[in-house]
Amino acid sequence: MMPLIFSELSGAPSWLGAVLLVTLSFAVGFLARYILLRFICYWQGRDRKLFKSLEKHLRGSIFLFFPLLLINVGINYININPDALSFITTTLNIFIIISFCSVLIRLINVAQDMLFIRYDINLSNNLRARKIRTQIIYVKKVAIVLLVALCVSLILLNFPGVRKFGTTILAGAGVAGIIIGFALQKSLVNLFAGIQIAFTQPIKIDDAVVVENEWGWIEEINLTYVVVRIWDLRRLVLPITYFTEKPFQNWTRNNAQILGSVFLYLDYSMPLEPLRQQFEKILSETKLWDQQTQVLQVSDTTDKTMTIRLLMTAQNSPTAWDLRCHVREKMIEFIQQNYPQSLPQVRATLTDSGARETHG
């Protein structure tokens, strides 16, 4: 059918044929996109996550890719000056390559969406999901860089001068590559450090870490830098080599579970058994506790107070923080109401030195 339509265009004036070709191509492209998305929607049935992702990411790219292909085929059936035809064909080829690269990048984003749905990090035990997500994100970024480099190479090959002097350009590119390599040495080190982190994984997406005396979560792992979301919603941006060259604390490397601690400083008159019973009661009444660990110990003493350490576990670091604050508040409230005399006190002994001198 399409060859018959193209043959009809060859009998029309060049400007009219061009208008008809562009109009027809975009109409067919829109129809092809609509049919493809409807088919995927019908195929998925009720679970339309793939359809929603495709519709979100391929909204404009396929709409351009199909028409450009049709225009590239149909342009040969229109009466156009050979010089102009050569320029138009080269331009169309370039846009087809760009559009095809855009489609591939968007399909990579669709694949990422589907994998993110499969590996959900919102679950309590999300260690494996966070490992795989970290690798997916980094592999995606590397794949996009390679696709863009391939796209630029294919575009350059459309110019006869580039193909004719390809050997010379490649030799010059080798020398230039060495020079650029020295100039971008730091960036290349960051890139390889990112590959190392993606697969050895000293850090993962959503890990709880302490870096530069700041506590927060790994929010982004990019090609050359890492974004840490600080507990107060600030963002700490660090070069990716920081996590391969400097020590830092990772609280959730092997398990999302966190051991939290609360310290109370009390007078020696405070009995320990009521404290222990109240601590167990507080934990049993809150959903923040994961029912794994509960410990009350006298961890230190001074000449004025004793230090009570309360240990408890939670499913993850944000929950552990809330649990510690909850336990601290409830324990202080219990002591204030029942043993106010056992709060830290300063003792002083007054003596009548004058009386002793007289007596002597």
Protein backbone atom coordinates (compact mmCIF):
# COMPACT_ATOMS: atom_id res chain seq x y z
CA MET A 1 0.00 0.00 0.00
CA MET A 2 2.75 2.42 0.94
CA PRO A 3 4.65 1.99 -2.37
CA LEU A 4 1.41 2.85 -4.25
CA ILE A 5 0.99 6.00 -2.19
CA PHE A 6 4.63 6.99 -2.77
CA SER A 7 4.22 6.42 -6.53
CA GLU A 8 1.19 8.73 -6.52
CA LEU A 9 3.32 11.40 -4.82
CA SER A 10 5.82 11.28 -7.69
CA GLY A 11 3.20 12.73 -10.09
CA ALA A 12 2.36 15.70 -7.87
CA PRO A 13 4.26 19.03 -7.75
CA SER A 14 7.32 18.90 -5.51
CA TRP A 15 5.97 21.27 -2.84
CA LEU A 16 2.58 19.53 -2.78
CA GLY A 17 4.25 16.10 -2.64
CA ALA A 18 6.44 17.24 0.27
CA VAL A 19 3.43 18.54 2.21
CA LEU A 20 1.46 15.36 1.57
CA LEU A 21 4.43 13.18 2.51
CA VAL A 22 5.03 14.97 5.81
CA THR A 23 1.33 15.01 6.70
CA LEU A 24 0.84 11.35 5.80
CA SER A 25 3.99 10.26 7.63
CA PHE A 26 3.03 12.01 10.86
CA ALA A 27 -0.50 10.62 10.65
CA VAL A 28 0.83 7.08 10.20
CA GLY A 29 3.34 7.63 13.01
CA PHE A 30 0.63 8.81 15.39
CA LEU A 31 -1.59 5.87 14.43
CA ALA A 32 1.28 3.36 14.90
CA ARG A 33 2.07 4.77 18.35
CA TYR A 34 -1.61 4.62 19.34
CA ILE A 35 -2.00 1.02 18.15
CA LEU A 36 1.22 -0.06 19.91
CA LEU A 37 0.22 1.46 23.25
CA ARG A 38 -3.35 0.07 22.99
CA PHE A 39 -1.94 -3.38 22.28
CA ILE A 40 0.35 -3.20 25.32
CA CYS A 41 -2.54 -1.91 27.45
CA TYR A 42 -4.77 -4.82 26.33
CA TRP A 43 -1.94 -7.35 26.76
CA GLN A 44 -1.26 -6.28 30.34
CA GLY A 45 -4.89 -6.47 31.43
CA ARG A 46 -5.42 -4.97 34.87
CA ASP A 47 -1.76 -4.58 35.78
CA ARG A 48 -0.83 -1.65 33.57
CA LYS A 49 2.49 -0.63 35.09
CA LEU A 50 4.41 -1.32 31.86
CA PHE A 51 1.82 0.59 29.83
CA LYS A 52 2.00 3.61 32.13
CA SER A 53 5.80 3.63 31.98
CA LEU A 54 5.85 3.31 28.17
CA GLU A 55 3.24 6.04 27.81
CA LYS A 56 5.24 8.29 30.13
CA HIS A 57 8.65 7.81 28.48
CA LEU A 58 7.71 7.21 24.80
CA ARG A 59 5.22 10.02 24.53
CA GLY A 60 7.19 11.97 21.91
CA SER A 61 10.11 9.86 20.72
CA ILE A 62 8.26 7.13 18.78
CA PHE A 63 5.89 9.78 17.38
CA LEU A 64 8.94 11.29 15.65
CA PHE A 65 10.82 8.08 14.82
CA PHE A 66 8.15 6.44 12.64
CA PRO A 67 7.36 9.57 10.58
CA LEU A 68 11.05 10.23 9.96
CA LEU A 69 11.48 6.70 8.62
CA LEU A 70 8.51 7.13 6.27
CA ILE A 71 9.72 10.53 5.09
CA ASN A 72 13.18 9.08 4.43
CA VAL A 73 11.64 6.40 2.20
CA GLY A 74 9.08 8.64 0.51
CA ILE A 75 11.48 11.50 -0.27
CA ASN A 76 12.91 9.43 -3.15
CA TYR A 77 9.50 9.50 -4.89
CA ILE A 78 9.27 13.29 -4.97
CA ASN A 79 10.74 15.41 -7.75
CA ILE A 80 13.47 17.30 -5.91
CA ASN A 81 16.75 18.78 -7.11
CA PRO A 82 19.56 16.15 -6.59
CA ASP A 83 21.69 18.56 -4.55
CA ALA A 84 18.76 19.43 -2.31
CA LEU A 85 17.83 15.74 -2.08
CA SER A 86 21.32 14.87 -0.85
CA PHE A 87 21.14 17.57 1.87
CA ILE A 88 17.61 16.54 2.91
CA THR A 89 18.57 12.84 3.04
CA THR A 90 21.62 13.57 5.21
CA THR A 91 19.55 15.74 7.52
CA LEU A 92 16.85 13.07 7.79
CA ASN A 93 19.45 10.40 8.56
CA ILE A 94 20.85 12.54 11.36
CA PHE A 95 17.40 13.10 12.89
CA ILE A 96 16.56 9.40 12.53
CA ILE A 97 19.74 8.49 14.44
CA ILE A 98 18.96 11.05 17.15
CA SER A 99 15.35 9.84 17.39
CA PHE A 100 16.41 6.18 17.52
CA CYS A 101 18.95 6.96 20.26
CA SER A 102 16.22 8.81 22.15
CA VAL A 103 13.91 5.78 21.85
CA LEU A 104 16.63 3.46 23.20
CA ILE A 105 17.38 5.78 26.14
CA ARG A 106 13.69 5.99 26.98
CA LEU A 107 13.37 2.20 26.77
CA ILE A 108 16.25 1.98 29.24
CA ASN A 109 14.21 4.22 31.56
CA VAL A 110 11.20 1.91 31.08
CA ALA A 111 13.35 -1.11 31.98
CA GLN A 112 14.56 0.76 35.08
CA ASP A 113 10.95 1.48 36.12
CA MET A 114 10.01 -2.20 35.79
CA LEU A 115 13.05 -3.35 37.76
CA PHE A 116 12.39 -0.74 40.47
CA ILE A 117 8.86 -2.12 40.85
CA ARG A 118 10.27 -5.63 41.23
CA TYR A 119 12.95 -4.55 43.71
CA ASP A 120 11.01 -2.31 46.08
CA ILE A 121 13.14 -0.56 48.73
CA ASN A 122 10.12 0.47 50.79
CA LEU A 123 10.00 -2.97 52.40
CA SER A 124 11.48 -3.45 55.87
CA ASN A 125 14.08 -6.01 54.77
CA ASN A 126 15.30 -4.28 51.63
CA LEU A 127 19.01 -5.09 51.57
CA ARG A 128 18.94 -7.12 48.32
CA ALA A 129 16.65 -4.57 46.64
CA ARG A 130 19.02 -1.71 47.53
CA LYS A 131 22.02 -3.68 46.21
CA ILE A 132 20.35 -4.34 42.88
CA ARG A 133 18.96 -0.80 42.57
CA THR A 134 22.44 0.65 43.04
CA GLN A 135 23.78 -1.51 40.21
CA ILE A 136 20.79 -0.75 37.97
CA ILE A 137 21.19 3.01 38.38
CA TYR A 138 24.91 2.98 37.63
CA VAL A 139 24.65 0.57 34.68
CA LYS A 140 21.86 2.74 33.27
CA LYS A 141 24.01 5.86 33.41
CA VAL A 142 26.97 4.11 31.75
CA ALA A 143 24.69 2.67 29.04
CA ILE A 144 23.26 6.12 28.27
CA VAL A 145 26.78 7.60 27.94
CA LEU A 146 27.78 4.80 25.54
CA LEU A 147 24.59 5.24 23.49
CA VAL A 148 25.15 8.98 23.17
CA ALA A 149 28.77 8.38 22.09
CA LEU A 150 27.59 5.84 19.47
CA CYS A 151 24.92 8.26 18.27
CA VAL A 152 27.48 11.05 17.79
CA SER A 153 29.77 8.64 15.90
CA LEU A 154 26.97 7.57 13.53
CA ILE A 155 26.03 11.19 12.92
CA LEU A 156 29.63 12.06 12.01
CA LEU A 157 29.76 9.15 9.56
CA ASN A 158 27.01 10.81 7.51
CA PHE A 159 29.53 13.43 6.39
CA PRO A 160 31.75 12.28 3.49
CA GLY A 161 34.76 14.20 4.82
CA VAL A 162 34.68 12.26 8.07
CA ARG A 163 34.56 8.91 6.26
CA LYS A 164 37.28 9.92 3.78
CA PHE A 165 39.74 11.01 6.43
CA GLY A 166 38.68 8.44 9.00
CA THR A 167 42.17 6.99 9.48
CA THR A 168 43.71 10.40 9.98
CA ILE A 169 40.97 11.39 12.39
CA LEU A 170 41.38 8.17 14.35
CA ALA A 171 45.12 8.69 14.65
CA GLY A 172 44.57 12.27 15.75
CA ALA A 173 41.86 11.08 18.13
CA GLY A 174 44.37 8.71 19.71
CA VAL A 175 46.80 11.53 20.42
CA ALA A 176 43.97 13.80 21.52
CA GLY A 177 42.65 11.02 23.73
CA ILE A 178 45.97 10.82 25.58
CA ILE A 179 46.01 14.58 26.10
CA ILE A 180 42.36 14.65 27.19
CA GLY A 181 43.02 11.67 29.46
CA PHE A 182 45.68 13.62 31.35
CA ALA A 183 43.45 16.70 31.47
CA LEU A 184 40.45 14.71 32.75
CA GLN A 185 42.41 12.38 34.98
CA LYS A 186 40.33 13.25 38.04
CA SER A 187 37.05 12.68 36.20
CA LEU A 188 38.25 9.31 34.89
CA VAL A 189 39.29 8.28 38.40
CA ASN A 190 35.78 9.20 39.59
CA LEU A 191 34.24 7.18 36.76
CA PHE A 192 36.20 4.03 37.61
CA ALA A 193 35.53 4.58 41.31
CA GLY A 194 31.83 4.62 40.45
CA ILE A 195 32.13 1.28 38.65
CA GLN A 196 33.94 -0.13 41.69
CA ILE A 197 31.23 1.14 44.05
CA ALA A 198 28.41 -0.20 41.85
CA PHE A 199 29.68 -3.76 42.08
CA THR A 200 31.64 -3.97 45.37
CA GLN A 201 29.01 -1.76 47.04
CA PRO A 202 30.56 -0.17 50.12
CA ILE A 203 27.49 2.06 49.80
CA LYS A 204 24.04 1.44 48.33
CA ILE A 205 20.99 3.55 47.61
CA ASP A 206 19.21 4.43 50.90
CA ASP A 207 22.13 3.33 53.12
CA ALA A 208 22.34 5.17 56.44
CA VAL A 209 25.84 6.70 56.66
CA VAL A 210 27.89 9.12 58.72
CA VAL A 211 30.22 11.26 56.57
CA GLU A 212 31.99 14.51 57.41
CA ASN A 213 30.39 14.32 60.90
CA GLU A 214 26.94 14.39 59.27
CA TRP A 215 24.33 11.65 59.49
CA GLY A 216 22.04 10.89 56.56
CA TRP A 217 21.06 8.55 53.73
CA ILE A 218 22.57 7.85 50.30
CA GLU A 219 20.11 9.53 47.93
CA GLU A 220 21.92 9.45 44.55
CA ILE A 221 24.96 7.63 43.15
CA ASN A 222 25.96 9.35 39.92
CA LEU A 223 28.89 8.80 37.57
CA THR A 224 31.23 11.14 39.42
CA TYR A 225 29.52 12.20 42.66
CA VAL A 226 27.24 10.98 45.45
CA VAL A 227 24.39 12.92 47.08
CA VAL A 228 23.79 12.29 50.81
CA ARG A 229 20.44 13.45 52.22
CA ILE A 230 21.19 14.79 55.70
CA TRP A 231 18.67 14.17 58.48
CA ASP A 232 17.60 17.83 58.44
CA LEU A 233 16.93 17.63 54.63
CA ARG A 234 20.17 19.33 53.58
CA ARG A 235 22.12 17.65 50.77
CA LEU A 236 25.81 16.80 51.09
CA VAL A 237 27.45 16.33 47.66
CA LEU A 238 30.72 14.38 47.68
CA PRO A 239 33.02 13.13 44.89
CA ILE A 240 32.51 9.43 44.40
CA THR A 241 36.18 8.79 45.20
CA TYR A 242 35.46 9.92 48.77
CA PHE A 243 33.87 6.52 49.45
CA THR A 244 36.90 4.61 48.13
CA GLU A 245 39.62 6.72 49.73
CA LYS A 246 38.31 7.90 53.11
CA PRO A 247 36.79 6.10 56.10
CA PHE A 248 33.08 6.57 56.79
CA GLN A 249 30.35 4.85 58.78
CA ASN A 250 27.75 2.70 57.02
CA TRP A 251 25.04 1.67 59.46
CA THR A 252 23.07 -0.51 57.02
CA ARG A 253 25.66 -2.23 54.85
CA ASN A 254 24.62 -5.81 55.70
CA ASN A 255 21.23 -5.26 57.29
CA ALA A 256 18.69 -2.48 57.49
CA GLN A 257 18.16 -3.24 61.20
CA ILE A 258 19.60 -0.61 63.54
CA LEU A 259 20.63 -0.92 67.19
CA GLY A 260 19.63 2.26 69.01
CA SER A 261 20.83 3.49 72.40
CA VAL A 262 19.53 5.88 75.03
CA PHE A 263 21.61 7.12 77.99
CA LEU A 264 20.13 8.25 81.31
CA TYR A 265 22.21 9.95 84.03
CA LEU A 266 20.65 9.24 87.44
CA ASP A 267 21.40 9.50 91.10
CA TYR A 268 22.60 6.40 92.97
CA SER A 269 19.34 6.31 94.90
CA MET A 270 17.45 5.16 91.77
CA PRO A 271 16.41 1.47 92.00
CA LEU A 272 17.14 -0.43 88.79
CA GLU A 273 14.36 -3.02 88.71
CA PRO A 274 11.48 -0.51 88.28
CA LEU A 275 13.48 1.10 85.47
CA ARG A 276 13.92 -2.26 83.73
CA GLN A 277 10.22 -3.09 84.04
CA GLN A 278 9.17 0.31 82.71
CA PHE A 279 11.61 0.01 79.78
CA GLU A 280 10.13 -3.37 78.81
CA LYS A 281 6.61 -1.96 79.13
CA ILE A 282 7.40 1.04 76.89
CA LEU A 283 8.86 -1.20 74.17
CA SER A 284 5.97 -3.66 74.27
CA GLU A 285 3.48 -0.83 73.71
CA THR A 286 5.09 0.71 70.61
CA LYS A 287 5.17 -0.56 67.00
CA LEU A 288 8.52 1.14 66.47
CA TRP A 289 10.31 -1.71 68.23
CA ASP A 290 11.02 -4.84 66.14
CA GLN A 291 10.94 -7.13 69.22
CA GLN A 292 14.50 -8.32 68.70
CA THR A 293 16.71 -6.65 71.34
CA GLN A 294 16.08 -4.90 74.67
CA VAL A 295 18.86 -4.34 77.19
CA LEU A 296 19.18 -2.09 80.27
CA GLN A 297 22.66 -1.83 81.81
CA VAL A 298 24.63 0.43 84.12
CA SER A 299 27.39 1.29 81.67
CA ASP A 300 29.36 3.84 83.72
CA THR A 301 29.60 5.60 87.07
CA THR A 302 30.99 8.90 88.27
CA ASP A 303 31.28 10.54 91.67
CA LYS A 304 27.87 12.15 91.16
CA THR A 305 25.74 9.91 88.89
CA MET A 306 25.46 6.49 87.32
CA THR A 307 24.95 6.05 83.57
CA ILE A 308 22.07 3.83 82.46
CA ARG A 309 22.31 2.57 78.88
CA LEU A 310 19.15 1.35 77.13
CA LEU A 311 19.62 -0.71 73.95
CA MET A 312 16.84 -1.53 71.46
CA THR A 313 16.54 -2.45 67.78
CA ALA A 314 14.34 -1.17 64.96
CA GLN A 315 13.77 -2.13 61.33
CA ASN A 316 15.69 0.81 59.87
CA SER A 317 17.50 3.97 60.84
CA PRO A 318 14.57 6.46 60.67
CA THR A 319 12.46 4.13 62.84
CA ALA A 320 15.35 3.67 65.26
CA TRP A 321 15.65 7.44 65.67
CA ASP A 322 11.94 7.77 66.46
CA LEU A 323 12.13 4.80 68.85
CA ARG A 324 15.07 6.31 70.77
CA CYS A 325 13.27 9.64 71.18
CA HIS A 326 10.07 7.87 72.27
CA VAL A 327 11.86 5.73 74.89
CA ARG A 328 13.87 8.68 76.20
CA GLU A 329 10.74 10.81 76.69
CA LYS A 330 8.76 8.03 78.39
CA MET A 331 11.60 7.06 80.72
CA ILE A 332 12.17 10.65 81.82
CA GLU A 333 8.44 11.07 82.40
CA PHE A 334 8.38 7.88 84.53
CA ILE A 335 11.31 9.04 86.68
CA GLN A 336 9.86 12.52 87.15
CA GLN A 337 6.51 11.14 88.33
CA ASN A 338 7.74 8.26 90.51
CA TYR A 339 11.36 8.94 91.54
CA PRO A 340 12.00 12.69 91.30
CA GLN A 341 14.56 12.44 94.11
CA SER A 342 16.69 10.18 91.88
CA LEU A 343 17.30 12.78 89.21
CA PRO A 344 20.91 14.07 89.19
CA GLN A 345 21.65 16.05 92.34
CA VAL A 346 24.52 18.07 93.69
CA ARG A 347 25.34 17.19 97.28
CA ALA A 348 27.14 19.47 99.69
CA THR A 349 28.03 18.98 103.37
CA LEU A 350 28.08 22.07 105.56
CA THR A 351 30.24 22.04 108.69
CA ASP A 352 30.59 24.60 111.49
CA SER A 353 34.33 25.21 111.34
CA GLY A 354 34.13 27.94 113.98
CA ALA A 355 32.51 25.59 116.47
CA ARG A 356 35.24 23.03 115.97
CA GLU A 357 37.96 25.66 116.60
CA THR A 358 36.24 26.75 119.84
CA HIS A 359 35.86 23.17 120.95
CA GLY A 360 39.52 22.55 120.29
